[in-house]
PDB file of all heavy atoms in Angstrom:
ATOM      1  N   ALA A   1    -138.223 -90.959  32.883  1.00  0.00           N
ATOM      2  CA  ALA A   1    -138.375 -92.245  33.567  1.00  0.00           C
ATOM      3  C   ALA A   1    -139.812 -92.752  33.498  1.00  0.00           C
ATOM      4  O   ALA A   1    -140.047 -93.926  33.197  1.00  0.00           O
ATOM      5  CB  ALA A   1    -137.930 -92.124  35.017  1.00  0.00           C
ATOM      6  N   VAL A   2    -140.761 -91.871  33.748  1.00  0.00           N
ATOM      7  CA  VAL A   2    -142.154 -92.294  33.854  1.00  0.00           C
ATOM      8  C   VAL A   2    -142.837 -92.385  32.500  1.00  0.00           C
ATOM      9  O   VAL A   2    -143.412 -93.412  32.156  1.00  0.00           O
ATOM     10  CB  VAL A   2    -142.936 -91.335  34.786  1.00  0.00           C
ATOM     11  CG1 VAL A   2    -144.420 -91.671  34.783  1.00  0.00           C
ATOM     12  CG2 VAL A   2    -142.374 -91.393  36.194  1.00  0.00           C
ATOM     13  N   PHE A   3    -142.785 -91.319  31.732  1.00  0.00           N
ATOM     14  CA  PHE A   3    -143.558 -91.262  30.494  1.00  0.00           C
ATOM     15  C   PHE A   3    -142.846 -91.905  29.306  1.00  0.00           C
ATOM     16  O   PHE A   3    -143.492 -92.399  28.388  1.00  0.00           O
ATOM     17  CB  PHE A   3    -143.938 -89.823  30.167  1.00  0.00           C
ATOM     18  CG  PHE A   3    -144.758 -89.174  31.249  1.00  0.00           C
ATOM     19  CD1 PHE A   3    -144.356 -87.989  31.829  1.00  0.00           C
ATOM     20  CD2 PHE A   3    -145.932 -89.760  31.701  1.00  0.00           C
ATOM     21  CE1 PHE A   3    -145.109 -87.384  32.829  1.00  0.00           C
ATOM     22  CE2 PHE A   3    -146.692 -89.173  32.707  1.00  0.00           C
ATOM     23  CZ  PHE A   3    -146.279 -87.979  33.276  1.00  0.00           C
ATOM     24  N   ASP A   4    -141.512 -91.898  29.320  1.00  0.00           N
ATOM     25  CA  ASP A   4    -140.756 -92.509  28.223  1.00  0.00           C
ATOM     26  C   ASP A   4    -140.178 -93.872  28.588  1.00  0.00           C
ATOM     27  O   ASP A   4    -139.496 -94.493  27.785  1.00  0.00           O
ATOM     28  CB  ASP A   4    -139.628 -91.580  27.765  1.00  0.00           C
ATOM     29  CG  ASP A   4    -140.154 -90.289  27.159  1.00  0.00           C
ATOM     30  OD1 ASP A   4    -141.337 -90.261  26.749  1.00  0.00           O
ATOM     31  OD2 ASP A   4    -139.393 -89.308  27.076  1.00  0.00           O
ATOM     32  N   SER A   5    -140.407 -94.302  29.821  1.00  0.00           N
ATOM     33  CA  SER A   5    -139.957 -95.612  30.320  1.00  0.00           C
ATOM     34  C   SER A   5    -138.462 -95.844  30.125  1.00  0.00           C
ATOM     35  O   SER A   5    -138.021 -96.953  29.837  1.00  0.00           O
ATOM     36  CB  SER A   5    -140.743 -96.739  29.644  1.00  0.00           C
ATOM     37  OG  SER A   5    -142.108 -96.625  29.926  1.00  0.00           O
ATOM     38  N   MET A   6    -137.678 -94.798  30.287  1.00  0.00           N
ATOM     39  CA  MET A   6    -136.224 -94.930  30.165  1.00  0.00           C
ATOM     40  C   MET A   6    -135.639 -95.407  31.481  1.00  0.00           C
ATOM     41  O   MET A   6    -136.140 -95.068  32.560  1.00  0.00           O
ATOM     42  CB  MET A   6    -135.604 -93.581  29.758  1.00  0.00           C
ATOM     43  CG  MET A   6    -135.983 -93.142  28.357  1.00  0.00           C
ATOM     44  SD  MET A   6    -135.277 -91.540  27.900  1.00  0.00           S
ATOM     45  CE  MET A   6    -133.556 -91.994  27.692  1.00  0.00           C
ATOM     46  N   THR A   7    -134.565 -96.166  31.406  1.00  0.00           N
ATOM     47  CA  THR A   7    -133.864 -96.614  32.611  1.00  0.00           C
ATOM     48  C   THR A   7    -133.016 -95.462  33.147  1.00  0.00           C
ATOM     49  O   THR A   7    -132.757 -94.469  32.442  1.00  0.00           O
ATOM     50  CB  THR A   7    -132.940 -97.802  32.305  1.00  0.00           C
ATOM     51  OG1 THR A   7    -131.896 -97.360  31.431  1.00  0.00           O
ATOM     52  CG2 THR A   7    -133.719 -98.961  31.695  1.00  0.00           C
ATOM     53  N   TYR A   8    -132.561 -95.611  34.385  1.00  0.00           N
ATOM     54  CA  TYR A   8    -131.698 -94.590  34.966  1.00  0.00           C
ATOM     55  C   TYR A   8    -130.444 -94.409  34.123  1.00  0.00           C
ATOM     56  O   TYR A   8    -129.978 -93.301  33.906  1.00  0.00           O
ATOM     57  CB  TYR A   8    -131.320 -94.951  36.398  1.00  0.00           C
ATOM     58  CG  TYR A   8    -132.465 -94.904  37.388  1.00  0.00           C
ATOM     59  CD1 TYR A   8    -132.285 -95.364  38.686  1.00  0.00           C
ATOM     60  CD2 TYR A   8    -133.714 -94.401  37.057  1.00  0.00           C
ATOM     61  CE1 TYR A   8    -133.309 -95.322  39.611  1.00  0.00           C
ATOM     62  CE2 TYR A   8    -134.743 -94.358  37.970  1.00  0.00           C
ATOM     63  CZ  TYR A   8    -134.539 -94.819  39.252  1.00  0.00           C
ATOM     64  OH  TYR A   8    -135.551 -94.768  40.172  1.00  0.00           O
ATOM     65  N   GLN A   9    -129.900 -95.520  33.645  1.00  0.00           N
ATOM     66  CA  GLN A   9    -128.684 -95.451  32.830  1.00  0.00           C
ATOM     67  C   GLN A   9    -128.944 -94.704  31.522  1.00  0.00           C
ATOM     68  O   GLN A   9    -128.135 -93.879  31.101  1.00  0.00           O
ATOM     69  CB  GLN A   9    -128.153 -96.861  32.539  1.00  0.00           C
ATOM     70  CG  GLN A   9    -126.813 -96.870  31.833  1.00  0.00           C
ATOM     71  CD  GLN A   9    -125.711 -96.224  32.658  1.00  0.00           C
ATOM     72  OE1 GLN A   9    -125.602 -96.450  33.865  1.00  0.00           O
ATOM     73  NE2 GLN A   9    -124.900 -95.407  32.028  1.00  0.00           N
ATOM     74  N   GLN A  10    -130.051 -94.981  30.883  1.00  0.00           N
ATOM     75  CA  GLN A  10    -130.390 -94.294  29.629  1.00  0.00           C
ATOM     76  C   GLN A  10    -130.576 -92.793  29.851  1.00  0.00           C
ATOM     77  O   GLN A  10    -130.125 -91.983  29.043  1.00  0.00           O
ATOM     78  CB  GLN A  10    -131.671 -94.880  29.026  1.00  0.00           C
ATOM     79  CG  GLN A  10    -131.512 -96.280  28.497  1.00  0.00           C
ATOM     80  CD  GLN A  10    -132.839 -96.916  28.129  1.00  0.00           C
ATOM     81  OE1 GLN A  10    -133.871 -96.659  28.755  1.00  0.00           O
ATOM     82  NE2 GLN A  10    -132.805 -97.768  27.103  1.00  0.00           N
ATOM     83  N   ILE A  11    -131.232 -92.435  30.942  1.00  0.00           N
ATOM     84  CA  ILE A  11    -131.434 -91.014  31.259  1.00  0.00           C
ATOM     85  C   ILE A  11    -130.095 -90.344  31.507  1.00  0.00           C
ATOM     86  O   ILE A  11    -129.835 -89.247  31.006  1.00  0.00           O
ATOM     87  CB  ILE A  11    -132.357 -90.852  32.484  1.00  0.00           C
ATOM     88  CG1 ILE A  11    -133.755 -91.396  32.162  1.00  0.00           C
ATOM     89  CG2 ILE A  11    -132.421 -89.399  32.928  1.00  0.00           C
ATOM     90  CD1 ILE A  11    -134.650 -91.560  33.370  1.00  0.00           C
ATOM     91  N   ALA A  12    -129.239 -91.008  32.274  1.00  0.00           N
ATOM     92  CA  ALA A  12    -127.916 -90.451  32.576  1.00  0.00           C
ATOM     93  C   ALA A  12    -127.127 -90.197  31.300  1.00  0.00           C
ATOM     94  O   ALA A  12    -126.513 -89.135  31.139  1.00  0.00           O
ATOM     95  CB  ALA A  12    -127.153 -91.393  33.503  1.00  0.00           C
ATOM     96  N   GLU A  13    -127.165 -91.135  30.394  1.00  0.00           N
ATOM     97  CA  GLU A  13    -126.440 -90.977  29.131  1.00  0.00           C
ATOM     98  C   GLU A  13    -127.043 -89.867  28.273  1.00  0.00           C
ATOM     99  O   GLU A  13    -126.321 -89.063  27.691  1.00  0.00           O
ATOM    100  CB  GLU A  13    -126.430 -92.301  28.366  1.00  0.00           C
ATOM    101  CG  GLU A  13    -125.568 -93.356  29.021  1.00  0.00           C
ATOM    102  CD  GLU A  13    -125.707 -94.737  28.399  1.00  0.00           C
ATOM    103  OE1 GLU A  13    -126.438 -94.889  27.395  1.00  0.00           O
ATOM    104  OE2 GLU A  13    -125.089 -95.680  28.947  1.00  0.00           O
ATOM    105  N   LYS A  14    -128.356 -89.816  28.204  1.00  0.00           N
ATOM    106  CA  LYS A  14    -129.029 -88.803  27.387  1.00  0.00           C
ATOM    107  C   LYS A  14    -128.741 -87.392  27.899  1.00  0.00           C
ATOM    108  O   LYS A  14    -128.523 -86.468  27.113  1.00  0.00           O
ATOM    109  CB  LYS A  14    -130.534 -89.051  27.377  1.00  0.00           C
ATOM    110  CG  LYS A  14    -131.302 -88.017  26.573  1.00  0.00           C
ATOM    111  CD  LYS A  14    -132.785 -88.328  26.512  1.00  0.00           C
ATOM    112  CE  LYS A  14    -133.484 -87.229  25.768  1.00  0.00           C
ATOM    113  NZ  LYS A  14    -134.148 -87.664  24.575  1.00  0.00           N
ATOM    114  N   LEU A  15    -128.737 -87.215  29.227  1.00  0.00           N
ATOM    115  CA  LEU A  15    -128.556 -85.888  29.817  1.00  0.00           C
ATOM    116  C   LEU A  15    -127.106 -85.597  30.215  1.00  0.00           C
ATOM    117  O   LEU A  15    -126.816 -84.532  30.753  1.00  0.00           O
ATOM    118  CB  LEU A  15    -129.479 -85.725  31.029  1.00  0.00           C
ATOM    119  CG  LEU A  15    -130.978 -85.865  30.749  1.00  0.00           C
ATOM    120  CD1 LEU A  15    -131.768 -85.711  32.034  1.00  0.00           C
ATOM    121  CD2 LEU A  15    -131.427 -84.855  29.702  1.00  0.00           C
ATOM    122  N   ASN A  16    -126.237 -86.579  29.978  1.00  0.00           N
ATOM    123  CA  ASN A  16    -124.821 -86.425  30.317  1.00  0.00           C
ATOM    124  C   ASN A  16    -124.619 -86.103  31.804  1.00  0.00           C
ATOM    125  O   ASN A  16    -123.918 -85.164  32.169  1.00  0.00           O
ATOM    126  CB  ASN A  16    -124.160 -85.361  29.430  1.00  0.00           C
ATOM    127  CG  ASN A  16    -122.658 -85.505  29.426  1.00  0.00           C
ATOM    128  OD1 ASN A  16    -122.121 -86.590  29.595  1.00  0.00           O
ATOM    129  ND2 ASN A  16    -121.975 -84.391  29.241  1.00  0.00           N
ATOM    130  N   ILE A  17    -125.285 -86.893  32.642  1.00  0.00           N
ATOM    131  CA  ILE A  17    -125.157 -86.782  34.090  1.00  0.00           C
ATOM    132  C   ILE A  17    -124.925 -88.185  34.640  1.00  0.00           C
ATOM    133  O   ILE A  17    -125.069 -89.174  33.919  1.00  0.00           O
ATOM    134  CB  ILE A  17    -126.409 -86.141  34.739  1.00  0.00           C
ATOM    135  CG1 ILE A  17    -127.674 -86.951  34.400  1.00  0.00           C
ATOM    136  CG2 ILE A  17    -126.561 -84.690  34.315  1.00  0.00           C
ATOM    137  CD1 ILE A  17    -128.948 -86.436  35.048  1.00  0.00           C
ATOM    138  N   SER A  18    -124.595 -88.276  35.916  1.00  0.00           N
ATOM    139  CA  SER A  18    -124.334 -89.595  36.496  1.00  0.00           C
ATOM    140  C   SER A  18    -125.642 -90.316  36.829  1.00  0.00           C
ATOM    141  O   SER A  18    -126.689 -89.694  37.032  1.00  0.00           O
ATOM    142  CB  SER A  18    -123.480 -89.472  37.760  1.00  0.00           C
ATOM    143  OG  SER A  18    -124.259 -89.000  38.836  1.00  0.00           O
ATOM    144  N   LYS A  19    -125.558 -91.619  36.886  1.00  0.00           N
ATOM    145  CA  LYS A  19    -126.707 -92.443  37.253  1.00  0.00           C
ATOM    146  C   LYS A  19    -127.155 -92.110  38.680  1.00  0.00           C
ATOM    147  O   LYS A  19    -128.349 -92.099  38.967  1.00  0.00           O
ATOM    148  CB  LYS A  19    -126.332 -93.918  37.127  1.00  0.00           C
ATOM    149  CG  LYS A  19    -127.468 -94.873  37.328  1.00  0.00           C
ATOM    150  CD  LYS A  19    -127.010 -96.297  37.069  1.00  0.00           C
ATOM    151  CE  LYS A  19    -128.074 -97.301  37.409  1.00  0.00           C
ATOM    152  NZ  LYS A  19    -127.621 -98.675  37.196  1.00  0.00           N
ATOM    153  N   ASN A  20    -126.209 -91.815  39.559  1.00  0.00           N
ATOM    154  CA  ASN A  20    -126.556 -91.444  40.935  1.00  0.00           C
ATOM    155  C   ASN A  20    -127.332 -90.135  40.982  1.00  0.00           C
ATOM    156  O   ASN A  20    -128.230 -89.974  41.810  1.00  0.00           O
ATOM    157  CB  ASN A  20    -125.309 -91.347  41.810  1.00  0.00           C
ATOM    158  CG  ASN A  20    -124.792 -92.710  42.201  1.00  0.00           C
ATOM    159  OD1 ASN A  20    -125.538 -93.683  42.225  1.00  0.00           O
ATOM    160  ND2 ASN A  20    -123.509 -92.795  42.491  1.00  0.00           N
ATOM    161  N   THR A  21    -127.003 -89.193  40.089  1.00  0.00           N
ATOM    162  CA  THR A  21    -127.754 -87.941  40.016  1.00  0.00           C
ATOM    163  C   THR A  21    -129.188 -88.225  39.601  1.00  0.00           C
ATOM    164  O   THR A  21    -130.129 -87.646  40.157  1.00  0.00           O
ATOM    165  CB  THR A  21    -127.091 -86.959  39.034  1.00  0.00           C
ATOM    166  OG1 THR A  21    -125.775 -86.651  39.510  1.00  0.00           O
ATOM    167  CG2 THR A  21    -127.900 -85.677  38.883  1.00  0.00           C
ATOM    168  N   VAL A  22    -129.368 -89.115  38.658  1.00  0.00           N
ATOM    169  CA  VAL A  22    -130.715 -89.497  38.217  1.00  0.00           C
ATOM    170  C   VAL A  22    -131.498 -90.074  39.394  1.00  0.00           C
ATOM    171  O   VAL A  22    -132.630 -89.667  39.668  1.00  0.00           O
ATOM    172  CB  VAL A  22    -130.655 -90.502  37.050  1.00  0.00           C
ATOM    173  CG1 VAL A  22    -132.051 -91.030  36.719  1.00  0.00           C
ATOM    174  CG2 VAL A  22    -130.008 -89.884  35.831  1.00  0.00           C
ATOM    175  N   LYS A  23    -130.906 -91.004  40.116  1.00  0.00           N
ATOM    176  CA  LYS A  23    -131.571 -91.620  41.271  1.00  0.00           C
ATOM    177  C   LYS A  23    -131.948 -90.576  42.315  1.00  0.00           C
ATOM    178  O   LYS A  23    -133.068 -90.584  42.830  1.00  0.00           O
ATOM    179  CB  LYS A  23    -130.658 -92.658  41.923  1.00  0.00           C
ATOM    180  CG  LYS A  23    -130.462 -93.911  41.137  1.00  0.00           C
ATOM    181  CD  LYS A  23    -129.530 -94.840  41.897  1.00  0.00           C
ATOM    182  CE  LYS A  23    -129.181 -96.074  41.123  1.00  0.00           C
ATOM    183  NZ  LYS A  23    -128.285 -96.954  41.872  1.00  0.00           N
ATOM    184  N   THR A  24    -131.015 -89.688  42.619  1.00  0.00           N
ATOM    185  CA  THR A  24    -131.255 -88.651  43.619  1.00  0.00           C
ATOM    186  C   THR A  24    -132.384 -87.726  43.190  1.00  0.00           C
ATOM    187  O   THR A  24    -133.280 -87.409  43.975  1.00  0.00           O
ATOM    188  CB  THR A  24    -129.969 -87.841  43.868  1.00  0.00           C
ATOM    189  OG1 THR A  24    -128.953 -88.723  44.353  1.00  0.00           O
ATOM    190  CG2 THR A  24    -130.201 -86.719  44.860  1.00  0.00           C
ATOM    191  N   GLN A  25    -132.350 -87.285  41.945  1.00  0.00           N
ATOM    192  CA  GLN A  25    -133.363 -86.351  41.457  1.00  0.00           C
ATOM    193  C   GLN A  25    -134.750 -86.991  41.404  1.00  0.00           C
ATOM    194  O   GLN A  25    -135.749 -86.334  41.706  1.00  0.00           O
ATOM    195  CB  GLN A  25    -132.966 -85.792  40.089  1.00  0.00           C
ATOM    196  CG  GLN A  25    -131.754 -84.892  40.133  1.00  0.00           C
ATOM    197  CD  GLN A  25    -131.946 -83.703  41.053  1.00  0.00           C
ATOM    198  OE1 GLN A  25    -132.988 -83.048  41.045  1.00  0.00           O
ATOM    199  NE2 GLN A  25    -130.932 -83.420  41.858  1.00  0.00           N
ATOM    200  N   ILE A  26    -134.828 -88.249  41.042  1.00  0.00           N
ATOM    201  CA  ILE A  26    -136.121 -88.929  41.026  1.00  0.00           C
ATOM    202  C   ILE A  26    -136.655 -89.068  42.450  1.00  0.00           C
ATOM    203  O   ILE A  26    -137.841 -88.840  42.706  1.00  0.00           O
ATOM    204  CB  ILE A  26    -136.029 -90.289  40.302  1.00  0.00           C
ATOM    205  CG1 ILE A  26    -135.892 -90.029  38.797  1.00  0.00           C
ATOM    206  CG2 ILE A  26    -137.236 -91.168  40.608  1.00  0.00           C
ATOM    207  CD1 ILE A  26    -135.741 -91.262  37.941  1.00  0.00           C
ATOM    208  N   GLY A  27    -135.803 -89.414  43.374  1.00  0.00           N
ATOM    209  CA  GLY A  27    -136.227 -89.506  44.775  1.00  0.00           C
ATOM    210  C   GLY A  27    -136.751 -88.180  45.298  1.00  0.00           C
ATOM    211  O   GLY A  27    -137.787 -88.129  45.977  1.00  0.00           O
ATOM    212  N   ARG A  28    -136.077 -87.106  44.971  1.00  0.00           N
ATOM    213  CA  ARG A  28    -136.519 -85.776  45.396  1.00  0.00           C
ATOM    214  C   ARG A  28    -137.823 -85.384  44.722  1.00  0.00           C
ATOM    215  O   ARG A  28    -138.691 -84.769  45.337  1.00  0.00           O
ATOM    216  CB  ARG A  28    -135.435 -84.744  45.113  1.00  0.00           C
ATOM    217  CG  ARG A  28    -134.243 -84.906  46.028  1.00  0.00           C
ATOM    218  CD  ARG A  28    -133.137 -83.935  45.699  1.00  0.00           C
ATOM    219  NE  ARG A  28    -132.018 -84.159  46.609  1.00  0.00           N
ATOM    220  CZ  ARG A  28    -130.839 -83.586  46.473  1.00  0.00           C
ATOM    221  NH1 ARG A  28    -130.607 -82.751  45.469  1.00  0.00           N
ATOM    222  NH2 ARG A  28    -129.879 -83.847  47.337  1.00  0.00           N
ATOM    223  N   ALA A  29    -137.966 -85.742  43.455  1.00  0.00           N
ATOM    224  CA  ALA A  29    -139.214 -85.443  42.738  1.00  0.00           C
ATOM    225  C   ALA A  29    -140.382 -86.181  43.383  1.00  0.00           C
ATOM    226  O   ALA A  29    -141.451 -85.597  43.597  1.00  0.00           O
ATOM    227  CB  ALA A  29    -139.078 -85.830  41.269  1.00  0.00           C
ATOM    228  N   TYR A  30    -140.190 -87.459  43.702  1.00  0.00           N
ATOM    229  CA  TYR A  30    -141.255 -88.223  44.348  1.00  0.00           C
ATOM    230  C   TYR A  30    -141.631 -87.616  45.697  1.00  0.00           C
ATOM    231  O   TYR A  30    -142.797 -87.581  46.060  1.00  0.00           O
ATOM    232  CB  TYR A  30    -140.852 -89.681  44.541  1.00  0.00           C
ATOM    233  CG  TYR A  30    -140.994 -90.518  43.302  1.00  0.00           C
ATOM    234  CD1 TYR A  30    -140.026 -91.441  42.957  1.00  0.00           C
ATOM    235  CD2 TYR A  30    -142.099 -90.407  42.474  1.00  0.00           C
ATOM    236  CE1 TYR A  30    -140.150 -92.226  41.818  1.00  0.00           C
ATOM    237  CE2 TYR A  30    -142.234 -91.191  41.339  1.00  0.00           C
ATOM    238  CZ  TYR A  30    -141.263 -92.088  41.019  1.00  0.00           C
ATOM    239  OH  TYR A  30    -141.388 -92.865  39.901  1.00  0.00           O
ATOM    240  N   ARG A  31    -140.651 -87.141  46.430  1.00  0.00           N
ATOM    241  CA  ARG A  31    -140.925 -86.527  47.734  1.00  0.00           C
ATOM    242  C   ARG A  31    -141.819 -85.297  47.566  1.00  0.00           C
ATOM    243  O   ARG A  31    -142.781 -85.111  48.317  1.00  0.00           O
ATOM    244  CB  ARG A  31    -139.613 -86.157  48.421  1.00  0.00           C
ATOM    245  CG  ARG A  31    -139.799 -85.793  49.868  1.00  0.00           C
ATOM    246  CD  ARG A  31    -138.492 -85.648  50.621  1.00  0.00           C
ATOM    247  NE  ARG A  31    -137.370 -86.126  49.831  1.00  0.00           N
ATOM    248  CZ  ARG A  31    -136.157 -85.563  49.794  1.00  0.00           C
ATOM    249  NH1 ARG A  31    -135.900 -84.523  50.521  1.00  0.00           N
ATOM    250  NH2 ARG A  31    -135.207 -86.041  49.047  1.00  0.00           N
ATOM    251  N   ILE A  32    -141.518 -84.463  46.576  1.00  0.00           N
ATOM    252  CA  ILE A  32    -142.321 -83.259  46.334  1.00  0.00           C
ATOM    253  C   ILE A  32    -143.727 -83.645  45.873  1.00  0.00           C
ATOM    254  O   ILE A  32    -144.720 -83.082  46.349  1.00  0.00           O
ATOM    255  CB  ILE A  32    -141.631 -82.335  45.308  1.00  0.00           C
ATOM    256  CG1 ILE A  32    -140.384 -81.725  45.943  1.00  0.00           C
ATOM    257  CG2 ILE A  32    -142.583 -81.241  44.833  1.00  0.00           C
ATOM    258  CD1 ILE A  32    -139.497 -80.971  44.969  1.00  0.00           C
ATOM    259  N   LEU A  33    -143.817 -84.609  44.953  1.00  0.00           N
ATOM    260  CA  LEU A  33    -145.132 -85.032  44.477  1.00  0.00           C
ATOM    261  C   LEU A  33    -145.965 -85.631  45.609  1.00  0.00           C
ATOM    262  O   LEU A  33    -147.177 -85.407  45.676  1.00  0.00           O
ATOM    263  CB  LEU A  33    -144.993 -86.042  43.340  1.00  0.00           C
ATOM    264  CG  LEU A  33    -144.427 -85.500  42.036  1.00  0.00           C
ATOM    265  CD1 LEU A  33    -144.288 -86.626  41.017  1.00  0.00           C
ATOM    266  CD2 LEU A  33    -145.280 -84.367  41.480  1.00  0.00           C
ATOM    267  N   LYS A  34    -145.330 -86.367  46.483  1.00  0.00           N
ATOM    268  CA  LYS A  34    -146.037 -86.967  47.610  1.00  0.00           C
ATOM    269  C   LYS A  34    -146.648 -85.895  48.506  1.00  0.00           C
ATOM    270  O   LYS A  34    -147.748 -86.052  49.023  1.00  0.00           O
ATOM    271  CB  LYS A  34    -145.084 -87.855  48.420  1.00  0.00           C
ATOM    272  CG  LYS A  34    -145.762 -88.654  49.488  1.00  0.00           C
ATOM    273  CD  LYS A  34    -144.783 -89.591  50.160  1.00  0.00           C
ATOM    274  CE  LYS A  34    -145.473 -90.402  51.226  1.00  0.00           C
ATOM    275  NZ  LYS A  34    -144.551 -91.312  51.896  1.00  0.00           N
ATOM    276  N   GLU A  35    -145.936 -84.768  48.662  1.00  0.00           N
ATOM    277  CA  GLU A  35    -146.441 -83.667  49.480  1.00  0.00           C
ATOM    278  C   GLU A  35    -147.593 -82.930  48.795  1.00  0.00           C
ATOM    279  O   GLU A  35    -148.492 -82.429  49.457  1.00  0.00           O
ATOM    280  CB  GLU A  35    -145.324 -82.667  49.773  1.00  0.00           C
ATOM    281  CG  GLU A  35    -144.236 -83.202  50.666  1.00  0.00           C
ATOM    282  CD  GLU A  35    -143.022 -82.285  50.745  1.00  0.00           C
ATOM    283  OE1 GLU A  35    -143.038 -81.206  50.110  1.00  0.00           O
ATOM    284  OE2 GLU A  35    -142.070 -82.645  51.442  1.00  0.00           O
TER     285      GLU A  35
END
């Protein structure tokens, strides 16, 4: 998302996961980075 500027949909398709999983994982990653 950050370094390759891919959309959530593109990431979901590339990794064969749902768009909601992408959103959830990015939110969790930001929470950890914020800490």
